[in-house]
Amino acid sequence: GQTAGRWLLGLTIVAALVGSVVIGSPALTVDHPSPAQQSHQSQQSQA
């Protein structure tokens, strides 16, 4: 039981770290619009 508890605690900590990276990574990415999106946005702003 002690060994299983240690493994479960370690697995929980690793899963929390991985989850925080997965959830937080979209906030860290920089959106670079593609050329098609840029032309579409410029057409909307001109309109």
All heavy atoms as atom14 arrays in JSON, in Angstrom:
{
  "sequence": "GQTAGRWLLGLTIVAALVGSVVIGSPALTVDHPSPAQQSHQSQQSQA",
  "atom14_mask": [
    [1, 1, 1, 1, 0, 0, 0, 0, 0, 0, 0, 0, 0, 0],
    [1, 1, 1, 1, 1, 1, 1, 1, 1, 0, 0, 0, 0, 0],
    [1, 1, 1, 1, 1, 1, 1, 0, 0, 0, 0, 0, 0, 0],
    [1, 1, 1, 1, 1, 0, 0, 0, 0, 0, 0, 0, 0, 0],
    [1, 1, 1, 1, 0, 0, 0, 0, 0, 0, 0, 0, 0, 0],
    [1, 1, 1, 1, 1, 1, 1, 1, 1, 1, 1, 0, 0, 0],
    [1, 1, 1, 1, 1, 1, 1, 1, 1, 1, 1, 1, 1, 1],
    [1, 1, 1, 1, 1, 1, 1, 1, 0, 0, 0, 0, 0, 0],
    [1, 1, 1, 1, 1, 1, 1, 1, 0, 0, 0, 0, 0, 0],
    [1, 1, 1, 1, 0, 0, 0, 0, 0, 0, 0, 0, 0, 0],
    [1, 1, 1, 1, 1, 1, 1, 1, 0, 0, 0, 0, 0, 0],
    [1, 1, 1, 1, 1, 1, 1, 0, 0, 0, 0, 0, 0, 0],
    [1, 1, 1, 1, 1, 1, 1, 1, 0, 0, 0, 0, 0, 0],
    [1, 1, 1, 1, 1, 1, 1, 0, 0, 0, 0, 0, 0, 0],
    [1, 1, 1, 1, 1, 0, 0, 0, 0, 0, 0, 0, 0, 0],
    [1, 1, 1, 1, 1, 0, 0, 0, 0, 0, 0, 0, 0, 0],
    [1, 1, 1, 1, 1, 1, 1, 1, 0, 0, 0, 0, 0, 0],
    [1, 1, 1, 1, 1, 1, 1, 0, 0, 0, 0, 0, 0, 0],
    [1, 1, 1, 1, 0, 0, 0, 0, 0, 0, 0, 0, 0, 0],
    [1, 1, 1, 1, 1, 1, 0, 0, 0, 0, 0, 0, 0, 0],
    [1, 1, 1, 1, 1, 1, 1, 0, 0, 0, 0, 0, 0, 0],
    [1, 1, 1, 1, 1, 1, 1, 0, 0, 0, 0, 0, 0, 0],
    [1, 1, 1, 1, 1, 1, 1, 1, 0, 0, 0, 0, 0, 0],
    [1, 1, 1, 1, 0, 0, 0, 0, 0, 0, 0, 0, 0, 0],
    [1, 1, 1, 1, 1, 1, 0, 0, 0, 0, 0, 0, 0, 0],
    [1, 1, 1, 1, 1, 1, 1, 0, 0, 0, 0, 0, 0, 0],
    [1, 1, 1, 1, 1, 0, 0, 0, 0, 0, 0, 0, 0, 0],
    [1, 1, 1, 1, 1, 1, 1, 1, 0, 0, 0, 0, 0, 0],
    [1, 1, 1, 1, 1, 1, 1, 0, 0, 0, 0, 0, 0, 0],
    [1, 1, 1, 1, 1, 1, 1, 0, 0, 0, 0, 0, 0, 0],
    [1, 1, 1, 1, 1, 1, 1, 1, 0, 0, 0, 0, 0, 0],
    [1, 1, 1, 1, 1, 1, 1, 1, 1, 1, 0, 0, 0, 0],
    [1, 1, 1, 1, 1, 1, 1, 0, 0, 0, 0, 0, 0, 0],
    [1, 1, 1, 1, 1, 1, 0, 0, 0, 0, 0, 0, 0, 0],
    [1, 1, 1, 1, 1, 1, 1, 0, 0, 0, 0, 0, 0, 0],
    [1, 1, 1, 1, 1, 0, 0, 0, 0, 0, 0, 0, 0, 0],
    [1, 1, 1, 1, 1, 1, 1, 1, 1, 0, 0, 0, 0, 0],
    [1, 1, 1, 1, 1, 1, 1, 1, 1, 0, 0, 0, 0, 0],
    [1, 1, 1, 1, 1, 1, 0, 0, 0, 0, 0, 0, 0, 0],
    [1, 1, 1, 1, 1, 1, 1, 1, 1, 1, 0, 0, 0, 0],
    [1, 1, 1, 1, 1, 1, 1, 1, 1, 0, 0, 0, 0, 0],
    [1, 1, 1, 1, 1, 1, 0, 0, 0, 0, 0, 0, 0, 0],
    [1, 1, 1, 1, 1, 1, 1, 1, 1, 0, 0, 0, 0, 0],
    [1, 1, 1, 1, 1, 1, 1, 1, 1, 0, 0, 0, 0, 0],
    [1, 1, 1, 1, 1, 1, 0, 0, 0, 0, 0, 0, 0, 0],
    [1, 1, 1, 1, 1, 1, 1, 1, 1, 0, 0, 0, 0, 0],
    [1, 1, 1, 1, 1, 0, 0, 0, 0, 0, 0, 0, 0, 0]
  ],
  "atom14_positions": [
    [[0.81, -1.21, 0.0], [0.0, 0.0, 0.0], [0.85, 1.26, 0.0], [0.52, 2.24, -0.67], [0.0, 0.0, 0.0], [0.0, 0.0, 0.0], [0.0, 0.0, 0.0], [0.0, 0.0, 0.0], [0.0, 0.0, 0.0], [0.0, 0.0, 0.0], [0.0, 0.0, 0.0], [0.0, 0.0, 0.0], [0.0, 0.0, 0.0], [0.0, 0.0, 0.0]],
    [[1.95, 1.24, 0.76], [2.84, 2.4, 0.78], [3.5, 2.6, -0.57], [3.62, 3.73, -1.06], [3.9, 2.25, 1.86], [3.36, 2.4, 3.27], [4.42, 2.1, 4.31], [5.35, 1.34, 4.05], [4.28, 2.7, 5.48], [0.0, 0.0, 0.0], [0.0, 0.0, 0.0], [0.0, 0.0, 0.0], [0.0, 0.0, 0.0], [0.0, 0.0, 0.0]],
    [[3.94, 1.52, -1.18], [4.56, 1.61, -2.5], [3.56, 2.11, -3.53], [3.88, 2.99, -4.34], [5.12, 0.24, -2.92], [6.03, -0.22, -1.92], [5.85, 0.32, -4.25], [0.0, 0.0, 0.0], [0.0, 0.0, 0.0], [0.0, 0.0, 0.0], [0.0, 0.0, 0.0], [0.0, 0.0, 0.0], [0.0, 0.0, 0.0], [0.0, 0.0, 0.0]],
    [[2.35, 1.58, -3.5], [1.32, 2.03, -4.44], [0.98, 3.5, -4.2], [0.77, 4.26, -5.15], [0.07, 1.17, -4.29], [0.0, 0.0, 0.0], [0.0, 0.0, 0.0], [0.0, 0.0, 0.0], [0.0, 0.0, 0.0], [0.0, 0.0, 0.0], [0.0, 0.0, 0.0], [0.0, 0.0, 0.0], [0.0, 0.0, 0.0], [0.0, 0.0, 0.0]],
    [[0.95, 3.91, -2.95], [0.66, 5.31, -2.64], [1.74, 6.24, -3.16], [1.44, 7.33, -3.68], [0.0, 0.0, 0.0], [0.0, 0.0, 0.0], [0.0, 0.0, 0.0], [0.0, 0.0, 0.0], [0.0, 0.0, 0.0], [0.0, 0.0, 0.0], [0.0, 0.0, 0.0], [0.0, 0.0, 0.0], [0.0, 0.0, 0.0], [0.0, 0.0, 0.0]],
    [[2.99, 5.83, -3.04], [4.09, 6.66, -3.56], [4.01, 6.78, -5.07], [4.21, 7.85, -5.65], [5.43, 6.07, -3.15], [5.74, 6.28, -1.69], [7.17, 5.89, -1.38], [7.36, 5.85, 0.06], [7.72, 4.78, 0.75], [7.94, 3.65, 0.12], [7.86, 4.84, 2.05], [0.0, 0.0, 0.0], [0.0, 0.0, 0.0], [0.0, 0.0, 0.0]],
    [[3.73, 5.65, -5.74], [3.6, 5.68, -7.2], [2.43, 6.56, -7.62], [2.51, 7.32, -8.58], [3.4, 4.26, -7.75], [4.69, 3.57, -8.01], [5.32, 2.68, -7.2], [5.52, 3.72, -9.16], [6.49, 2.28, -7.77], [6.64, 2.9, -8.98], [5.42, 4.47, -10.32], [7.66, 2.8, -9.93], [6.43, 4.38, -11.26], [7.54, 3.55, -11.05]],
    [[1.31, 6.45, -6.9], [0.13, 7.25, -7.23], [0.4, 8.73, -7.02], [0.0, 9.57, -7.84], [-1.05, 6.79, -6.38], [-2.41, 7.39, -6.72], [-2.79, 7.05, -8.15], [-3.46, 6.87, -5.76], [0.0, 0.0, 0.0], [0.0, 0.0, 0.0], [0.0, 0.0, 0.0], [0.0, 0.0, 0.0], [0.0, 0.0, 0.0], [0.0, 0.0, 0.0]],
    [[1.09, 9.07, -5.98], [1.44, 10.47, -5.73], [2.36, 11.0, -6.83], [2.14, 12.09, -7.36], [2.12, 10.61, -4.36], [2.57, 12.02, -4.0], [1.38, 12.95, -3.86], [3.38, 12.0, -2.72], [0.0, 0.0, 0.0], [0.0, 0.0, 0.0], [0.0, 0.0, 0.0], [0.0, 0.0, 0.0], [0.0, 0.0, 0.0], [0.0, 0.0, 0.0]],
    [[3.36, 10.23, -7.19], [4.27, 10.64, -8.26], [3.56, 10.8, -9.58], [3.78, 11.76, -10.33], [0.0, 0.0, 0.0], [0.0, 0.0, 0.0], [0.0, 0.0, 0.0], [0.0, 0.0, 0.0], [0.0, 0.0, 0.0], [0.0, 0.0, 0.0], [0.0, 0.0, 0.0], [0.0, 0.0, 0.0], [0.0, 0.0, 0.0], [0.0, 0.0, 0.0]],
    [[2.68, 9.85, -9.88], [1.93, 9.91, -11.13], [1.0, 11.12, -11.15], [0.84, 11.78, -12.19], [1.13, 8.62, -11.3], [0.41, 8.42, -12.62], [1.42, 8.34, -13.76], [-0.42, 7.15, -12.58], [0.0, 0.0, 0.0], [0.0, 0.0, 0.0], [0.0, 0.0, 0.0], [0.0, 0.0, 0.0], [0.0, 0.0, 0.0], [0.0, 0.0, 0.0]],
    [[0.4, 11.44, -10.01], [-0.48, 12.61, -9.93], [0.29, 13.89, -10.16], [-0.17, 14.8, -10.88], [-1.17, 12.64, -8.55], [-1.89, 11.42, -8.37], [-2.12, 13.82, -8.44], [0.0, 0.0, 0.0], [0.0, 0.0, 0.0], [0.0, 0.0, 0.0], [0.0, 0.0, 0.0], [0.0, 0.0, 0.0], [0.0, 0.0, 0.0], [0.0, 0.0, 0.0]],
    [[1.48, 13.99, -9.59], [2.3, 15.19, -9.77], [2.72, 15.34, -11.23], [2.63, 16.43, -11.81], [3.51, 15.15, -8.82], [3.04, 15.31, -7.39], [4.52, 16.23, -9.18], [4.12, 15.06, -6.35], [0.0, 0.0, 0.0], [0.0, 0.0, 0.0], [0.0, 0.0, 0.0], [0.0, 0.0, 0.0], [0.0, 0.0, 0.0], [0.0, 0.0, 0.0]],
    [[3.14, 14.25, -11.84], [3.54, 14.3, -13.26], [2.35, 14.66, -14.13], [2.47, 15.48, -15.05], [4.18, 12.96, -13.69], [4.36, 12.9, -15.19], [5.51, 12.77, -12.99], [0.0, 0.0, 0.0], [0.0, 0.0, 0.0], [0.0, 0.0, 0.0], [0.0, 0.0, 0.0], [0.0, 0.0, 0.0], [0.0, 0.0, 0.0], [0.0, 0.0, 0.0]],
    [[1.19, 14.08, -13.86], [0.0, 14.38, -14.66], [-0.4, 15.84, -14.5], [-0.83, 16.48, -15.47], [-1.15, 13.46, -14.24], [0.0, 0.0, 0.0], [0.0, 0.0, 0.0], [0.0, 0.0, 0.0], [0.0, 0.0, 0.0], [0.0, 0.0, 0.0], [0.0, 0.0, 0.0], [0.0, 0.0, 0.0], [0.0, 0.0, 0.0], [0.0, 0.0, 0.0]],
    [[-0.26, 16.39, -13.29], [-0.58, 17.8, -13.08], [0.36, 18.71, -13.86], [-0.06, 19.7, -14.47], [-0.52, 18.13, -11.59], [0.0, 0.0, 0.0], [0.0, 0.0, 0.0], [0.0, 0.0, 0.0], [0.0, 0.0, 0.0], [0.0, 0.0, 0.0], [0.0, 0.0, 0.0], [0.0, 0.0, 0.0], [0.0, 0.0, 0.0], [0.0, 0.0, 0.0]],
    [[1.64, 18.37, -13.88], [2.6, 19.17, -14.63], [2.33, 19.1, -16.13], [2.34, 20.12, -16.83], [4.03, 18.71, -14.33], [4.53, 19.02, -12.91], [5.87, 18.36, -12.67], [4.63, 20.51, -12.7], [0.0, 0.0, 0.0], [0.0, 0.0, 0.0], [0.0, 0.0, 0.0], [0.0, 0.0, 0.0], [0.0, 0.0, 0.0], [0.0, 0.0, 0.0]],
    [[2.07, 17.91, -16.63], [1.77, 17.75, -18.06], [0.48, 18.47, -18.41], [0.39, 19.16, -19.43], [1.71, 16.25, -18.43], [1.14, 16.05, -19.83], [3.08, 15.62, -18.32], [0.0, 0.0, 0.0], [0.0, 0.0, 0.0], [0.0, 0.0, 0.0], [0.0, 0.0, 0.0], [0.0, 0.0, 0.0], [0.0, 0.0, 0.0], [0.0, 0.0, 0.0]],
    [[-0.53, 18.35, -17.56], [-1.8, 19.02, -17.81], [-1.66, 20.53, -17.83], [-2.27, 21.21, -18.66], [0.0, 0.0, 0.0], [0.0, 0.0, 0.0], [0.0, 0.0, 0.0], [0.0, 0.0, 0.0], [0.0, 0.0, 0.0], [0.0, 0.0, 0.0], [0.0, 0.0, 0.0], [0.0, 0.0, 0.0], [0.0, 0.0, 0.0], [0.0, 0.0, 0.0]],
    [[-0.86, 21.07, -16.94], [-0.67, 22.52, -16.91], [0.05, 23.0, -18.17], [-0.24, 24.08, -18.68], [0.08, 22.95, -15.66], [1.4, 22.45, -15.67], [0.0, 0.0, 0.0], [0.0, 0.0, 0.0], [0.0, 0.0, 0.0], [0.0, 0.0, 0.0], [0.0, 0.0, 0.0], [0.0, 0.0, 0.0], [0.0, 0.0, 0.0], [0.0, 0.0, 0.0]],
    [[0.98, 22.2, -18.67], [1.66, 22.58, -19.91], [0.7, 22.51, -21.09], [0.67, 23.4, -21.93], [2.9, 21.67, -20.14], [3.44, 21.85, -21.55], [3.97, 21.98, -19.12], [0.0, 0.0, 0.0], [0.0, 0.0, 0.0], [0.0, 0.0, 0.0], [0.0, 0.0, 0.0], [0.0, 0.0, 0.0], [0.0, 0.0, 0.0], [0.0, 0.0, 0.0]],
    [[-0.12, 21.46, -21.13], [-1.07, 21.3, -22.24], [-2.11, 22.42, -22.22], [-2.44, 23.0, -23.25], [-1.75, 19.92, -22.18], [-2.94, 19.84, -23.11], [-0.75, 18.83, -22.5], [0.0, 0.0, 0.0], [0.0, 0.0, 0.0], [0.0, 0.0, 0.0], [0.0, 0.0, 0.0], [0.0, 0.0, 0.0], [0.0, 0.0, 0.0], [0.0, 0.0, 0.0]],
    [[-2.62, 22.75, -21.05], [-3.63, 23.79, -20.94], [-3.02, 25.18, -21.15], [-3.62, 26.06, -21.76], [-4.35, 23.7, -19.58], [-5.21, 22.45, -19.55], [-5.21, 24.94, -19.31], [-5.82, 22.14, -18.21], [0.0, 0.0, 0.0], [0.0, 0.0, 0.0], [0.0, 0.0, 0.0], [0.0, 0.0, 0.0], [0.0, 0.0, 0.0], [0.0, 0.0, 0.0]],
    [[-1.81, 25.38, -20.67], [-1.19, 26.69, -20.76], [-0.49, 26.98, -22.07], [-0.21, 28.14, -22.38], [0.0, 0.0, 0.0], [0.0, 0.0, 0.0], [0.0, 0.0, 0.0], [0.0, 0.0, 0.0], [0.0, 0.0, 0.0], [0.0, 0.0, 0.0], [0.0, 0.0, 0.0], [0.0, 0.0, 0.0], [0.0, 0.0, 0.0], [0.0, 0.0, 0.0]],
    [[-0.19, 25.96, -22.86], [0.57, 26.19, -24.08], [-0.17, 27.05, -25.11], [0.47, 27.84, -25.79], [1.03, 24.88, -24.7], [-0.06, 24.08, -25.04], [0.0, 0.0, 0.0], [0.0, 0.0, 0.0], [0.0, 0.0, 0.0], [0.0, 0.0, 0.0], [0.0, 0.0, 0.0], [0.0, 0.0, 0.0], [0.0, 0.0, 0.0], [0.0, 0.0, 0.0]],
    [[-1.5, 26.96, -25.27], [-2.15, 27.87, -26.23], [-1.98, 29.34, -25.85], [-1.93, 30.2, -26.73], [-3.62, 27.46, -26.18], [-3.6, 26.05, -25.74], [-2.44, 25.95, -24.8], [0.0, 0.0, 0.0], [0.0, 0.0, 0.0], [0.0, 0.0, 0.0], [0.0, 0.0, 0.0], [0.0, 0.0, 0.0], [0.0, 0.0, 0.0], [0.0, 0.0, 0.0]],
    [[-1.89, 29.64, -24.58], [-1.71, 31.02, -24.16], [-0.31, 31.52, -24.46], [-0.08, 32.73, -24.53], [-1.99, 31.15, -22.67], [0.0, 0.0, 0.0], [0.0, 0.0, 0.0], [0.0, 0.0, 0.0], [0.0, 0.0, 0.0], [0.0, 0.0, 0.0], [0.0, 0.0, 0.0], [0.0, 0.0, 0.0], [0.0, 0.0, 0.0], [0.0, 0.0, 0.0]],
    [[0.63, 30.62, -24.65], [2.0, 31.02, -24.91], [2.33, 31.12, -26.4], [3.38, 31.62, -26.77], [2.97, 30.03, -24.25], [2.87, 29.92, -22.74], [3.78, 28.8, -22.24], [3.24, 31.23, -22.09], [0.0, 0.0, 0.0], [0.0, 0.0, 0.0], [0.0, 0.0, 0.0], [0.0, 0.0, 0.0], [0.0, 0.0, 0.0], [0.0, 0.0, 0.0]],
    [[1.44, 30.64, -27.25], [1.7, 30.67, -28.68], [1.38, 32.05, -29.24], [0.47, 32.73, -28.78], [0.88, 29.62, -29.44], [-0.5, 29.86, -29.2], [1.25, 28.22, -29.01], [0.0, 0.0, 0.0], [0.0, 0.0, 0.0], [0.0, 0.0, 0.0], [0.0, 0.0, 0.0], [0.0, 0.0, 0.0], [0.0, 0.0, 0.0], [0.0, 0.0, 0.0]],
    [[2.12, 32.46, -30.24], [1.9, 33.73, -30.91], [1.19, 33.43, -32.22], [1.69, 32.64, -33.04], [3.24, 34.45, -31.16], [3.01, 35.75, -31.91], [3.96, 34.69, -29.87], [0.0, 0.0, 0.0], [0.0, 0.0, 0.0], [0.0, 0.0, 0.0], [0.0, 0.0, 0.0], [0.0, 0.0, 0.0], [0.0, 0.0, 0.0], [0.0, 0.0, 0.0]],
    [[0.04, 34.04, -32.41], [-0.71, 33.79, -33.64], [-0.14, 34.63, -34.78], [-0.06, 35.86, -34.69], [-2.19, 34.15, -33.44], [-2.88, 33.21, -32.47], [-2.41, 32.06, -32.37], [-3.85, 33.62, -31.83], [0.0, 0.0, 0.0], [0.0, 0.0, 0.0], [0.0, 0.0, 0.0], [0.0, 0.0, 0.0], [0.0, 0.0, 0.0], [0.0, 0.0, 0.0]],
    [[0.28, 33.96, -35.82], [0.74, 34.62, -37.03], [-0.29, 34.32, -38.11], [-0.38, 33.18, -38.58], [2.11, 34.09, -37.47], [3.19, 34.37, -36.49], [3.66, 35.64, -36.25], [3.9, 33.56, -35.66], [4.61, 35.6, -35.32], [4.77, 34.34, -34.95], [0.0, 0.0, 0.0], [0.0, 0.0, 0.0], [0.0, 0.0, 0.0], [0.0, 0.0, 0.0]],
    [[-1.08, 35.32, -38.5], [-2.12, 35.04, -39.49], [-1.51, 34.68, -40.85], [-0.47, 35.19, -41.23], [-2.91, 36.35, -39.58], [-2.05, 37.39, -38.95], [-1.1, 36.68, -38.04], [0.0, 0.0, 0.0], [0.0, 0.0, 0.0], [0.0, 0.0, 0.0], [0.0, 0.0, 0.0], [0.0, 0.0, 0.0], [0.0, 0.0, 0.0], [0.0, 0.0, 0.0]],
    [[-2.16, 33.77, -41.51], [-1.69, 33.36, -42.83], [-1.97, 34.49, -43.83], [-2.77, 35.38, -43.57], [-2.39, 32.07, -43.26], [-3.77, 32.34, -43.47], [0.0, 0.0, 0.0], [0.0, 0.0, 0.0], [0.0, 0.0, 0.0], [0.0, 0.0, 0.0], [0.0, 0.0, 0.0], [0.0, 0.0, 0.0], [0.0, 0.0, 0.0], [0.0, 0.0, 0.0]],
    [[-1.33, 34.46, -44.99], [-1.57, 35.52, -46.0], [-3.04, 35.63, -46.39], [-3.54, 36.73, -46.62], [-0.7, 35.1, -47.17], [0.37, 34.26, -46.57], [-0.26, 33.57, -45.4], [0.0, 0.0, 0.0], [0.0, 0.0, 0.0], [0.0, 0.0, 0.0], [0.0, 0.0, 0.0], [0.0, 0.0, 0.0], [0.0, 0.0, 0.0], [0.0, 0.0, 0.0]],
    [[-3.76, 34.52, -46.45], [-5.18, 34.57, -46.82], [-5.97, 35.29, -45.73], [-6.88, 36.07, -46.03], [-5.71, 33.16, -47.03], [0.0, 0.0, 0.0], [0.0, 0.0, 0.0], [0.0, 0.0, 0.0], [0.0, 0.0, 0.0], [0.0, 0.0, 0.0], [0.0, 0.0, 0.0], [0.0, 0.0, 0.0], [0.0, 0.0, 0.0], [0.0, 0.0, 0.0]],
    [[-5.65, 35.04, -44.48], [-6.33, 35.71, -43.39], [-6.01, 37.21, -43.39], [-6.88, 38.03, -43.11], [-5.95, 35.1, -42.04], [-6.5, 33.71, -41.81], [-5.98, 33.11, -40.51], [-4.94, 33.51, -40.02], [-6.71, 32.15, -39.98], [0.0, 0.0, 0.0], [0.0, 0.0, 0.0], [0.0, 0.0, 0.0], [0.0, 0.0, 0.0], [0.0, 0.0, 0.0]],
    [[-4.77, 37.55, -43.7], [-4.39, 38.96, -43.73], [-5.15, 39.71, -44.81], [-5.63, 40.81, -44.59], [-2.88, 39.1, -43.95], [-2.06, 38.72, -42.74], [-0.57, 38.79, -43.04], [-0.15, 38.88, -44.18], [0.23, 38.72, -41.98], [0.0, 0.0, 0.0], [0.0, 0.0, 0.0], [0.0, 0.0, 0.0], [0.0, 0.0, 0.0], [0.0, 0.0, 0.0]],
    [[-5.3, 39.11, -46.0], [-6.01, 39.79, -47.08], [-7.49, 39.9, -46.74], [-8.14, 40.91, -47.04], [-5.81, 39.06, -48.4], [-6.4, 37.78, -48.35], [0.0, 0.0, 0.0], [0.0, 0.0, 0.0], [0.0, 0.0, 0.0], [0.0, 0.0, 0.0], [0.0, 0.0, 0.0], [0.0, 0.0, 0.0], [0.0, 0.0, 0.0], [0.0, 0.0, 0.0]],
    [[-8.04, 38.89, -46.08], [-9.45, 38.92, -45.69], [-9.67, 40.01, -44.64], [-10.65, 40.75, -44.72], [-9.88, 37.55, -45.17], [-11.33, 37.48, -44.78], [-12.34, 37.55, -45.72], [-11.93, 37.36, -43.58], [-13.5, 37.47, -45.1], [-13.28, 37.35, -43.8], [0.0, 0.0, 0.0], [0.0, 0.0, 0.0], [0.0, 0.0, 0.0], [0.0, 0.0, 0.0]],
    [[-8.76, 40.14, -43.71], [-8.89, 41.17, -42.68], [-8.74, 42.56, -43.28], [-9.44, 43.5, -42.9], [-7.85, 40.96, -41.58], [-8.14, 39.78, -40.69], [-7.02, 39.52, -39.69], [-5.95, 40.11, -39.79], [-7.26, 38.63, -38.74], [0.0, 0.0, 0.0], [0.0, 0.0, 0.0], [0.0, 0.0, 0.0], [0.0, 0.0, 0.0], [0.0, 0.0, 0.0]],
    [[-7.82, 42.72, -44.23], [-7.64, 44.03, -44.84], [-8.87, 44.42, -45.66], [-9.27, 45.57, -45.7], [-6.38, 44.07, -45.69], [-6.5, 43.19, -46.79], [0.0, 0.0, 0.0], [0.0, 0.0, 0.0], [0.0, 0.0, 0.0], [0.0, 0.0, 0.0], [0.0, 0.0, 0.0], [0.0, 0.0, 0.0], [0.0, 0.0, 0.0], [0.0, 0.0, 0.0]],
    [[-9.51, 43.44, -46.31], [-10.73, 43.72, -47.06], [-11.86, 44.14, -46.13], [-12.62, 45.06, -46.43], [-11.16, 42.5, -47.88], [-10.26, 42.2, -49.06], [-10.61, 40.88, -49.72], [-11.51, 40.18, -49.27], [-9.9, 40.54, -50.78], [0.0, 0.0, 0.0], [0.0, 0.0, 0.0], [0.0, 0.0, 0.0], [0.0, 0.0, 0.0], [0.0, 0.0, 0.0]],
    [[-11.95, 43.49, -44.96], [-12.98, 43.85, -43.99], [-12.75, 45.25, -43.46], [-13.69, 46.03, -43.3], [-13.02, 42.84, -42.84], [-13.67, 41.52, -43.2], [-13.69, 40.58, -42.0], [-12.98, 40.79, -41.04], [-14.51, 39.55, -42.1], [0.0, 0.0, 0.0], [0.0, 0.0, 0.0], [0.0, 0.0, 0.0], [0.0, 0.0, 0.0], [0.0, 0.0, 0.0]],
    [[-11.49, 45.58, -43.16], [-11.21, 46.9, -42.61], [-11.46, 47.99, -43.65], [-11.94, 49.07, -43.34], [-9.78, 46.98, -42.08], [-8.85, 46.79, -43.11], [0.0, 0.0, 0.0], [0.0, 0.0, 0.0], [0.0, 0.0, 0.0], [0.0, 0.0, 0.0], [0.0, 0.0, 0.0], [0.0, 0.0, 0.0], [0.0, 0.0, 0.0], [0.0, 0.0, 0.0]],
    [[-11.16, 47.71, -44.92], [-11.41, 48.69, -45.97], [-12.91, 48.87, -46.17], [-13.41, 49.98, -46.37], [-10.76, 48.24, -47.28], [-9.25, 48.36, -47.27], [-8.64, 47.72, -48.52], [-9.33, 47.18, -49.37], [-7.31, 47.82, -48.61], [0.0, 0.0, 0.0], [0.0, 0.0, 0.0], [0.0, 0.0, 0.0], [0.0, 0.0, 0.0], [0.0, 0.0, 0.0]],
    [[-13.67, 47.79, -46.08], [-15.12, 47.89, -46.21], [-15.72, 48.66, -45.05], [-16.65, 49.43, -45.22], [-15.73, 46.49, -46.31], [0.0, 0.0, 0.0], [0.0, 0.0, 0.0], [0.0, 0.0, 0.0], [0.0, 0.0, 0.0], [0.0, 0.0, 0.0], [0.0, 0.0, 0.0], [0.0, 0.0, 0.0], [0.0, 0.0, 0.0], [0.0, 0.0, 0.0]]
  ]
}
